[in-house]
Structures are given as C-alpha cells and as structure tokens.
PDB file of N, CA and C in Angstrom:
ATOM      1  N   MET A   1      31.551 -11.266  15.635  1.00  0.00           N
ATOM      2  CA  MET A   1      30.735 -11.011  16.029  1.00  0.00           C
ATOM      3  C   MET A   1      29.755  -9.605  15.110  1.00  0.00           C
ATOM      4  N   SER A   2      28.471 -10.601  14.561  1.00  0.00           N
ATOM      5  CA  SER A   2      27.323 -10.276  13.767  1.00  0.00           C
ATOM      6  C   SER A   2      26.850  -9.295  13.399  1.00  0.00           C
ATOM      7  N   SER A   3      26.290  -8.909  12.337  1.00  0.00           N
ATOM      8  CA  SER A   3      26.565  -7.339  12.247  1.00  0.00           C
ATOM      9  C   SER A   3      24.571  -6.572  12.661  1.00  0.00           C
ATOM     10  N   ARG A   4      24.510  -7.914  12.748  1.00  0.00           N
ATOM     11  CA  ARG A   4      22.344  -8.333  13.396  1.00  0.00           C
ATOM     12  C   ARG A   4      22.497  -7.985  14.115  1.00  0.00           C
ATOM     13  N   ARG A   5      23.832  -8.789  15.295  1.00  0.00           N
ATOM     14  CA  ARG A   5      23.178  -8.201  17.075  1.00  0.00           C
ATOM     15  C   ARG A   5      23.975  -6.896  16.861  1.00  0.00           C
ATOM     16  N   THR A   6      22.818  -7.163  18.228  1.00  0.00           N
ATOM     17  CA  THR A   6      22.691  -5.047  18.364  1.00  0.00           C
ATOM     18  C   THR A   6      21.825  -5.101  20.046  1.00  0.00           C
ATOM     19  N   SER A   7      22.697  -4.106  20.935  1.00  0.00           N
ATOM     20  CA  SER A   7      21.555  -4.247  22.167  1.00  0.00           C
ATOM     21  C   SER A   7      20.306  -4.475  22.173  1.00  0.00           C
ATOM     22  N   SER A   8      19.852  -5.548  22.962  1.00  0.00           N
ATOM     23  CA  SER A   8      18.482  -5.285  22.812  1.00  0.00           C
ATOM     24  C   SER A   8      17.799  -4.174  22.672  1.00  0.00           C
ATOM     25  N   SER A   9      17.772  -3.331  24.031  1.00  0.00           N
ATOM     26  CA  SER A   9      17.478  -2.346  24.297  1.00  0.00           C
ATOM     27  C   SER A   9      16.852  -1.105  22.669  1.00  0.00           C
ATOM     28  N   ALA A  10      18.004  -1.211  21.757  1.00  0.00           N
ATOM     29  CA  ALA A  10      18.036  -0.647  20.665  1.00  0.00           C
ATOM     30  C   ALA A  10      17.383  -0.960  19.205  1.00  0.00           C
ATOM     31  N   SER A  11      17.198  -2.573  19.645  1.00  0.00           N
ATOM     32  CA  SER A  11      16.453  -2.828  18.876  1.00  0.00           C
ATOM     33  C   SER A  11      14.700  -3.599  19.082  1.00  0.00           C
ATOM     34  N   LYS A  12      14.528  -3.497  20.357  1.00  0.00           N
ATOM     35  CA  LYS A  12      12.860  -3.032  20.624  1.00  0.00           C
ATOM     36  C   LYS A  12      12.549  -2.495  20.123  1.00  0.00           C
ATOM     37  N   ILE A  13      11.178  -2.838  20.078  1.00  0.00           N
ATOM     38  CA  ILE A  13      10.063  -1.670  19.345  1.00  0.00           C
ATOM     39  C   ILE A  13       8.958  -1.677  21.113  1.00  0.00           C
ATOM     40  N   THR A  14       8.522  -0.410  21.342  1.00  0.00           N
ATOM     41  CA  THR A  14       8.178  -0.199  22.777  1.00  0.00           C
ATOM     42  C   THR A  14       6.360  -0.618  21.698  1.00  0.00           C
ATOM     43  N   GLU A  15       6.039  -0.588  22.870  1.00  0.00           N
ATOM     44  CA  GLU A  15       4.049  -0.938  22.944  1.00  0.00           C
ATOM     45  C   GLU A  15       3.493  -0.144  22.363  1.00  0.00           C
ATOM     46  N   ASP A  16       4.048   1.633  23.089  1.00  0.00           N
ATOM     47  CA  ASP A  16       2.903   2.645  22.548  1.00  0.00           C
ATOM     48  C   ASP A  16       3.433   2.941  21.317  1.00  0.00           C
ATOM     49  N   GLU A  17       4.616   2.760  21.053  1.00  0.00           N
ATOM     50  CA  GLU A  17       5.363   2.771  19.708  1.00  0.00           C
ATOM     51  C   GLU A  17       4.205   2.042  18.975  1.00  0.00           C
ATOM     52  N   ILE A  18       4.292   0.142  19.386  1.00  0.00           N
ATOM     53  CA  ILE A  18       2.722  -0.070  18.302  1.00  0.00           C
ATOM     54  C   ILE A  18       1.749   0.595  18.425  1.00  0.00           C
ATOM     55  N   ASN A  19       1.048   0.691  19.127  1.00  0.00           N
ATOM     56  CA  ASN A  19      -0.146   2.006  19.241  1.00  0.00           C
ATOM     57  C   ASN A  19      -0.414   2.698  18.418  1.00  0.00           C
ATOM     58  N   ASN A  20       1.321   3.826  18.431  1.00  0.00           N
ATOM     59  CA  ASN A  20       0.867   4.578  17.705  1.00  0.00           C
ATOM     60  C   ASN A  20       0.598   4.518  15.966  1.00  0.00           C
ATOM     61  N   LEU A  21       1.266   3.512  15.498  1.00  0.00           N
ATOM     62  CA  LEU A  21       1.886   2.840  14.426  1.00  0.00           C
ATOM     63  C   LEU A  21      -0.017   2.780  13.696  1.00  0.00           C
ATOM     64  N   ILE A  22      -0.677   1.455  14.933  1.00  0.00           N
ATOM     65  CA  ILE A  22      -1.836   1.410  14.808  1.00  0.00           C
ATOM     66  C   ILE A  22      -3.029   2.287  14.367  1.00  0.00           C
ATOM     67  N   MET A  23      -2.540   3.790  15.159  1.00  0.00           N
ATOM     68  CA  MET A  23      -3.524   4.463  15.544  1.00  0.00           C
ATOM     69  C   MET A  23      -3.300   5.097  14.074  1.00  0.00           C
ATOM     70  N   LYS A  24      -2.334   5.453  13.923  1.00  0.00           N
ATOM     71  CA  LYS A  24      -1.728   5.752  11.809  1.00  0.00           C
ATOM     72  C   LYS A  24      -2.999   5.183  10.907  1.00  0.00           C
ATOM     73  N   LEU A  25      -2.851   4.185  11.276  1.00  0.00           N
ATOM     74  CA  LEU A  25      -3.392   2.838  10.049  1.00  0.00           C
ATOM     75  C   LEU A  25      -4.505   3.197  10.153  1.00  0.00           C
ATOM     76  N   ARG A  26      -5.131   3.091  10.780  1.00  0.00           N
ATOM     77  CA  ARG A  26      -6.748   2.677  10.882  1.00  0.00           C
ATOM     78  C   ARG A  26      -7.577   4.039  10.224  1.00  0.00           C
ATOM     79  N   PRO A  27      -6.959   4.800  10.140  1.00  0.00           N
ATOM     80  CA  PRO A  27      -8.051   6.503   9.130  1.00  0.00           C
ATOM     81  C   PRO A  27      -7.499   6.043   7.602  1.00  0.00           C
ATOM     82  N   LEU A  28      -6.890   4.933   6.938  1.00  0.00           N
ATOM     83  CA  LEU A  28      -6.108   4.364   5.995  1.00  0.00           C
ATOM     84  C   LEU A  28      -6.939   3.899   5.072  1.00  0.00           C
ATOM     85  N   LEU A  29      -7.726   2.990   6.681  1.00  0.00           N
ATOM     86  CA  LEU A  29      -8.134   2.043   6.406  1.00  0.00           C
ATOM     87  C   LEU A  29     -10.113   1.619   6.047  1.00  0.00           C
ATOM     88  N   PRO A  30     -10.042   1.995   4.490  1.00  0.00           N
ATOM     89  CA  PRO A  30     -11.757   2.935   4.514  1.00  0.00           C
ATOM     90  C   PRO A  30     -12.875   1.820   5.654  1.00  0.00           C
ATOM     91  N   ARG A  31     -12.440   0.563   5.770  1.00  0.00           N
ATOM     92  CA  ARG A  31     -13.145  -1.136   6.321  1.00  0.00           C
ATOM     93  C   ARG A  31     -13.557  -0.403   7.731  1.00  0.00           C
ATOM     94  N   LEU A  32     -12.644   0.251   8.217  1.00  0.00           N
ATOM     95  CA  LEU A  32     -12.503  -0.056  10.018  1.00  0.00           C
ATOM     96  C   LEU A  32     -12.557   1.603  10.056  1.00  0.00           C
ATOM     97  N   ASN A  33     -12.431   2.629   9.305  1.00  0.00           N
ATOM     98  CA  ASN A  33     -12.503   4.252   8.931  1.00  0.00           C
ATOM     99  C   ASN A  33     -14.437   3.848   8.967  1.00  0.00           C
ATOM    100  N   GLN A  34     -15.013   4.007   8.791  1.00  0.00           N
ATOM    101  CA  GLN A  34     -16.633   3.656   8.620  1.00  0.00           C
ATOM    102  C   GLN A  34     -17.044   3.150  10.012  1.00  0.00           C
ATOM    103  N   ARG A  35     -16.345   2.695  10.337  1.00  0.00           N
ATOM    104  CA  ARG A  35     -17.007   1.583  11.829  1.00  0.00           C
ATOM    105  C   ARG A  35     -17.071   2.900  12.786  1.00  0.00           C
ATOM    106  N   ARG A  36     -18.591   2.465  13.911  1.00  0.00           N
ATOM    107  CA  ARG A  36     -18.703   3.934  14.842  1.00  0.00           C
ATOM    108  C   ARG A  36     -17.764   3.812  16.133  1.00  0.00           C
ATOM    109  N   ASN A  37     -17.573   2.549  16.301  1.00  0.00           N
ATOM    110  CA  ASN A  37     -16.877   2.348  17.664  1.00  0.00           C
ATOM    111  C   ASN A  37     -15.177   2.245  17.200  1.00  0.00           C
ATOM    112  N   GLY A  38     -15.413   3.410  18.513  1.00  0.00           N
ATOM    113  CA  GLY A  38     -13.441   3.800  19.197  1.00  0.00           C
ATOM    114  C   GLY A  38     -12.777   2.052  18.953  1.00  0.00           C
ATOM    115  N   THR A  39     -13.447   1.597  19.336  1.00  0.00           N
ATOM    116  CA  THR A  39     -12.018   0.222  20.206  1.00  0.00           C
ATOM    117  C   THR A  39     -11.763  -0.771  18.756  1.00  0.00           C
ATOM    118  N   VAL A  40     -10.746  -0.897  17.908  1.00  0.00           N
ATOM    119  CA  VAL A  40     -10.085  -2.165  17.097  1.00  0.00           C
ATOM    120  C   VAL A  40      -9.196  -2.519  17.961  1.00  0.00           C
ATOM    121  N   PRO A  41      -9.225  -3.752  17.964  1.00  0.00           N
ATOM    122  CA  PRO A  41      -7.755  -5.311  18.005  1.00  0.00           C
ATOM    123  C   PRO A  41      -7.012  -4.853  17.316  1.00  0.00           C
ATOM    124  N   ALA A  42      -5.587  -4.576  17.901  1.00  0.00           N
ATOM    125  CA  ALA A  42      -4.197  -3.871  17.024  1.00  0.00           C
ATOM    126  C   ALA A  42      -4.424  -4.871  15.962  1.00  0.00           C
ATOM    127  N   SER A  43      -4.996  -6.766  15.839  1.00  0.00           N
ATOM    128  CA  SER A  43      -4.472  -7.365  15.067  1.00  0.00           C
ATOM    129  C   SER A  43      -5.564  -7.665  13.493  1.00  0.00           C
ATOM    130  N   GLU A  44      -6.733  -6.777  14.603  1.00  0.00           N
ATOM    131  CA  GLU A  44      -7.637  -6.779  13.655  1.00  0.00           C
ATOM    132  C   GLU A  44      -7.061  -5.433  12.176  1.00  0.00           C
ATOM    133  N   VAL A  45      -6.643  -4.592  12.754  1.00  0.00           N
ATOM    134  CA  VAL A  45      -6.146  -3.434  11.667  1.00  0.00           C
ATOM    135  C   VAL A  45      -5.044  -4.106  11.476  1.00  0.00           C
ATOM    136  N   VAL A  46      -3.894  -4.787  11.724  1.00  0.00           N
ATOM    137  CA  VAL A  46      -2.815  -4.975  11.116  1.00  0.00           C
ATOM    138  C   VAL A  46      -3.438  -6.361   9.615  1.00  0.00           C
ATOM    139  N   LYS A  47      -4.502  -7.579  10.231  1.00  0.00           N
ATOM    140  CA  LYS A  47      -5.502  -7.695   9.296  1.00  0.00           C
ATOM    141  C   LYS A  47      -5.894  -7.233   8.077  1.00  0.00           C
ATOM    142  N   GLU A  48      -6.781  -6.276   8.484  1.00  0.00           N
ATOM    143  CA  GLU A  48      -7.454  -4.927   7.687  1.00  0.00           C
ATOM    144  C   GLU A  48      -5.759  -4.444   6.488  1.00  0.00           C
ATOM    145  N   THR A  49      -5.402  -3.894   7.379  1.00  0.00           N
ATOM    146  CA  THR A  49      -4.032  -3.702   6.735  1.00  0.00           C
ATOM    147  C   THR A  49      -3.297  -5.036   5.310  1.00  0.00           C
ATOM    148  N   CYS A  50      -3.792  -5.664   6.052  1.00  0.00           N
ATOM    149  CA  CYS A  50      -3.228  -6.381   5.350  1.00  0.00           C
ATOM    150  C   CYS A  50      -4.150  -6.636   3.551  1.00  0.00           C
ATOM    151  N   ASN A  51      -5.468  -6.861   3.906  1.00  0.00           N
ATOM    152  CA  ASN A  51      -6.750  -7.710   3.577  1.00  0.00           C
ATOM    153  C   ASN A  51      -6.125  -5.586   2.161  1.00  0.00           C
ATOM    154  N   TYR A  52      -5.785  -4.049   2.731  1.00  0.00           N
ATOM    155  CA  TYR A  52      -6.756  -3.429   1.982  1.00  0.00           C
ATOM    156  C   TYR A  52      -5.617  -3.295   0.872  1.00  0.00           C
ATOM    157  N   ILE A  53      -3.839  -3.875   1.171  1.00  0.00           N
ATOM    158  CA  ILE A  53      -2.717  -4.088   0.791  1.00  0.00           C
ATOM    159  C   ILE A  53      -3.025  -4.694  -0.641  1.00  0.00           C
ATOM    160  N   ARG A  54      -3.697  -5.905  -0.742  1.00  0.00           N
ATOM    161  CA  ARG A  54      -3.985  -6.798  -1.108  1.00  0.00           C
ATOM    162  C   ARG A  54      -5.112  -6.585  -2.409  1.00  0.00           C
ATOM    163  N   SER A  55      -6.393  -6.289  -2.352  1.00  0.00           N
ATOM    164  CA  SER A  55      -7.154  -5.084  -2.256  1.00  0.00           C
ATOM    165  C   SER A  55      -6.369  -3.951  -4.235  1.00  0.00           C
ATOM    166  N   LEU A  56      -5.236  -3.396  -3.102  1.00  0.00           N
ATOM    167  CA  LEU A  56      -4.653  -2.002  -3.867  1.00  0.00           C
ATOM    168  C   LEU A  56      -4.092  -2.889  -5.067  1.00  0.00           C
ATOM    169  N   GLN A  57      -3.406  -3.282  -4.673  1.00  0.00           N
ATOM    170  CA  GLN A  57      -2.446  -3.977  -5.988  1.00  0.00           C
ATOM    171  C   GLN A  57      -2.747  -4.877  -6.503  1.00  0.00           C
ATOM    172  N   SER A  58      -3.774  -5.843  -6.693  1.00  0.00           N
ATOM    173  CA  SER A  58      -5.418  -6.395  -7.509  1.00  0.00           C
ATOM    174  C   SER A  58      -6.138  -4.663  -8.113  1.00  0.00           C
ATOM    175  N   GLU A  59      -5.680  -3.824  -7.783  1.00  0.00           N
ATOM    176  CA  GLU A  59      -7.021  -3.282  -8.816  1.00  0.00           C
ATOM    177  C   GLU A  59      -5.388  -2.636  -9.807  1.00  0.00           C
ATOM    178  N   ALA A  60      -4.502  -2.359  -9.197  1.00  0.00           N
ATOM    179  CA  ALA A  60      -3.305  -1.448  -9.813  1.00  0.00           C
ATOM    180  C   ALA A  60      -3.317  -2.552 -10.618  1.00  0.00           C
ATOM    181  N   ASP A  61      -3.082  -4.279 -10.328  1.00  0.00           N
ATOM    182  CA  ASP A  61      -3.157  -4.799 -12.089  1.00  0.00           C
ATOM    183  C   ASP A  61      -4.356  -5.103 -12.781  1.00  0.00           C
ATOM    184  N   ASP A  62      -4.955  -4.775 -12.012  1.00  0.00           N
ATOM    185  CA  ASP A  62      -6.414  -5.253 -13.478  1.00  0.00           C
ATOM    186  C   ASP A  62      -6.439  -3.050 -13.826  1.00  0.00           C
ATOM    187  N   LEU A  63      -5.867  -2.089 -13.277  1.00  0.00           N
ATOM    188  CA  LEU A  63      -5.829  -1.184 -14.544  1.00  0.00           C
ATOM    189  C   LEU A  63      -4.875  -0.951 -15.265  1.00  0.00           C
ATOM    190  N   SER A  64      -3.364  -1.766 -14.541  1.00  0.00           N
ATOM    191  CA  SER A  64      -2.434  -1.798 -15.438  1.00  0.00           C
ATOM    192  C   SER A  64      -2.461  -2.777 -16.900  1.00  0.00           C
ATOM    193  N   GLU A  65      -3.600  -3.883 -17.151  1.00  0.00           N
ATOM    194  CA  GLU A  65      -4.386  -4.893 -17.851  1.00  0.00           C
ATOM    195  C   GLU A  65      -5.409  -3.465 -18.746  1.00  0.00           C
ATOM    196  N   ARG A  66      -5.896  -2.551 -18.290  1.00  0.00           N
ATOM    197  CA  ARG A  66      -6.245  -2.317 -19.129  1.00  0.00           C
ATOM    198  C   ARG A  66      -5.878  -0.219 -19.767  1.00  0.00           C
ATOM    199  N   LEU A  67      -5.226  -0.553 -18.904  1.00  0.00           N
ATOM    200  CA  LEU A  67      -4.901   0.571 -19.918  1.00  0.00           C
ATOM    201  C   LEU A  67      -3.979  -0.466 -21.082  1.00  0.00           C
ATOM    202  N   SER A  68      -3.217  -1.303 -20.312  1.00  0.00           N
ATOM    203  CA  SER A  68      -2.484  -2.137 -21.683  1.00  0.00           C
ATOM    204  C   SER A  68      -2.900  -2.525 -23.475  1.00  0.00           C
ATOM    205  N   GLN A  69      -4.090  -3.108 -22.478  1.00  0.00           N
ATOM    206  CA  GLN A  69      -5.567  -2.444 -23.940  1.00  0.00           C
ATOM    207  C   GLN A  69      -5.865  -2.325 -24.701  1.00  0.00           C
ATOM    208  N   LEU A  70      -5.868  -0.600 -23.619  1.00  0.00           N
ATOM    209  CA  LEU A  70      -6.067   0.712 -24.787  1.00  0.00           C
ATOM    210  C   LEU A  70      -4.938   1.193 -25.843  1.00  0.00           C
ATOM    211  N   LEU A  71      -3.881   1.052 -24.490  1.00  0.00           N
ATOM    212  CA  LEU A  71      -3.026   1.561 -26.012  1.00  0.00           C
ATOM    213  C   LEU A  71      -2.388   0.694 -26.630  1.00  0.00           C
ATOM    214  N   GLY A  72      -2.410  -0.426 -26.779  1.00  0.00           N
ATOM    215  CA  GLY A  72      -2.585  -1.517 -27.803  1.00  0.00           C
ATOM    216  C   GLY A  72      -3.650  -1.181 -28.769  1.00  0.00           C
ATOM    217  N   SER A  73      -4.864  -0.634 -28.832  1.00  0.00           N
ATOM    218  CA  SER A  73      -5.881  -0.409 -29.420  1.00  0.00           C
ATOM    219  C   SER A  73      -6.070   1.278 -29.950  1.00  0.00           C
ATOM    220  N   MET A  74      -5.175   2.210 -29.215  1.00  0.00           N
ATOM    221  CA  MET A  74      -5.410   3.500 -29.345  1.00  0.00           C
ATOM    222  C   MET A  74      -3.969   3.350 -30.808  1.00  0.00           C
ATOM    223  N   ASP A  75      -4.809   4.858 -31.484  1.00  0.00           N
ATOM    224  CA  ASP A  75      -4.065   5.184 -33.001  1.00  0.00           C
ATOM    225  C   ASP A  75      -2.592   5.754 -32.062  1.00  0.00           C
ATOM    226  N   SER A  76      -1.307   5.662 -32.656  1.00  0.00           N
ATOM    227  CA  SER A  76      -0.163   6.674 -32.281  1.00  0.00           C
ATOM    228  C   SER A  76      -0.385   7.453 -33.212  1.00  0.00           C
ATOM    229  N   ASN A  77      -1.146   8.092 -33.842  1.00  0.00           N
ATOM    230  CA  ASN A  77      -0.979   9.515 -34.781  1.00  0.00           C
ATOM    231  C   ASN A  77      -0.527  11.102 -33.458  1.00  0.00           C
ATOM    232  N   GLY A  78       0.036  11.595 -33.970  1.00  0.00           N
ATOM    233  CA  GLY A  78       0.011  13.189 -32.356  1.00  0.00           C
ATOM    234  C   GLY A  78       0.660  12.307 -31.002  1.00  0.00           C
ATOM    235  N   VAL A  79       1.018  10.922 -30.984  1.00  0.00           N
ATOM    236  CA  VAL A  79       1.020  10.920 -29.126  1.00  0.00           C
ATOM    237  C   VAL A  79       2.119   9.744 -29.093  1.00  0.00           C
ATOM    238  N   ASP A  80       3.241  10.120 -28.687  1.00  0.00           N
ATOM    239  CA  ASP A  80       4.572   9.843 -28.316  1.00  0.00           C
ATOM    240  C   ASP A  80       3.861   8.664 -27.386  1.00  0.00           C
ATOM    241  N   ILE A  81       3.809   7.574 -28.022  1.00  0.00           N
ATOM    242  CA  ILE A  81       3.339   6.323 -27.000  1.00  0.00           C
ATOM    243  C   ILE A  81       4.195   5.432 -26.392  1.00  0.00           C
ATOM    244  N   THR A  82       5.809   6.117 -26.743  1.00  0.00           N
ATOM    245  CA  THR A  82       7.067   5.403 -25.842  1.00  0.00           C
ATOM    246  C   THR A  82       7.003   6.562 -24.468  1.00  0.00           C
ATOM    247  N   LEU A  83       7.430   7.417 -24.465  1.00  0.00           N
ATOM    248  CA  LEU A  83       7.141   8.353 -23.418  1.00  0.00           C
ATOM    249  C   LEU A  83       5.803   8.357 -22.003  1.00  0.00           C
ATOM    250  N   LEU A  84       4.979   8.469 -23.043  1.00  0.00           N
ATOM    251  CA  LEU A  84       3.154   7.830 -22.126  1.00  0.00           C
ATOM    252  C   LEU A  84       3.805   6.165 -21.936  1.00  0.00           C
ATOM    253  N   ILE A  85       4.059   5.469 -21.905  1.00  0.00           N
ATOM    254  CA  ILE A  85       4.454   4.554 -21.105  1.00  0.00           C
ATOM    255  C   ILE A  85       5.262   4.078 -20.645  1.00  0.00           C
ATOM    256  N   ASN A  86       6.426   4.904 -20.703  1.00  0.00           N
ATOM    257  CA  ASN A  86       7.693   5.495 -19.209  1.00  0.00           C
ATOM    258  C   ASN A  86       6.944   6.543 -18.597  1.00  0.00           C
ATOM    259  N   LEU A  87       6.086   7.088 -18.667  1.00  0.00           N
ATOM    260  CA  LEU A  87       5.341   8.039 -17.492  1.00  0.00           C
ATOM    261  C   LEU A  87       4.611   6.967 -16.995  1.00  0.00           C
ATOM    262  N   LEU A  88       3.887   5.998 -17.242  1.00  0.00           N
ATOM    263  CA  LEU A  88       2.730   5.336 -16.507  1.00  0.00           C
ATOM    264  C   LEU A  88       3.819   4.595 -16.130  1.00  0.00           C
ATOM    265  N   GLN A  89       4.821   3.771 -16.300  1.00  0.00           N
ATOM    266  CA  GLN A  89       5.897   2.755 -15.671  1.00  0.00           C
ATOM    267  C   GLN A  89       6.167   3.353 -14.171  1.00  0.00           C
ATOM    268  N   GLN A  90       6.380   4.657 -14.572  1.00  0.00           N
ATOM    269  CA  GLN A  90       7.004   5.392 -13.591  1.00  0.00           C
ATOM    270  C   GLN A  90       7.039   5.084 -12.167  1.00  0.00           C
ATOM    271  N   GLN A  91       7.954   4.474 -10.487  1.00  0.00           N
ATOM    272  CA  GLN A  91       7.332   4.179  -9.644  1.00  0.00           C
ATOM    273  C   GLN A  91       7.247   5.298  -8.308  1.00  0.00           C
ATOM    274  N   TYR A  92       6.741   5.663  -8.151  1.00  0.00           N
ATOM    275  CA  TYR A  92       6.892   7.279  -6.871  1.00  0.00           C
ATOM    276  C   TYR A  92       7.238   6.730  -5.614  1.00  0.00           C
TER     277      TYR A  92
END
C-alpha cells in the first residue's frame, strides 16, 4: 500500500479549519485590512494573499539588488564584507 494513502477523514481539512485560516490571513493583508466592511469572500483573501506574497518577493529582490550595488561600491576599509554578506544572506 502506498504511503500516500491515508484514511480520508485524517487527510480532510474541515470548513471550520479553512475559515479559521482565512481569518488569520486577513489581518496580514494590508489591502484587505483597510476595508471597513467585515465580510470578504475566502477566495478574495486567498487571491490577495498570493498577490501580497508576489509583491513581497519582488520587494525583497529589489532590496537585494540595491544592497548588492551598495556593497559593490562600498569602501571596505574596516568592514568585514564577508561577514556582512553572510549575515544578510541568512534565512529566517
């Protein structure tokens, strides 16, 4: 038997669990968090989550590029550039 086969009840996520996850996502999304009305369809929260993640990835890429440019033009006197680069490349 395949390891992917599990009891269907153990692998299903309930509607309450989905709603709970959607409620946890919404406050993290600036565009949805600014809205005054309380109800936002779950599909909109998921779409906005995807858009926000793409936006954050793009921002991180832009900042990384700017940092690389700054490090390339930086005077290395008294600065351990290797240590600085290693610190900046650490993933959280």
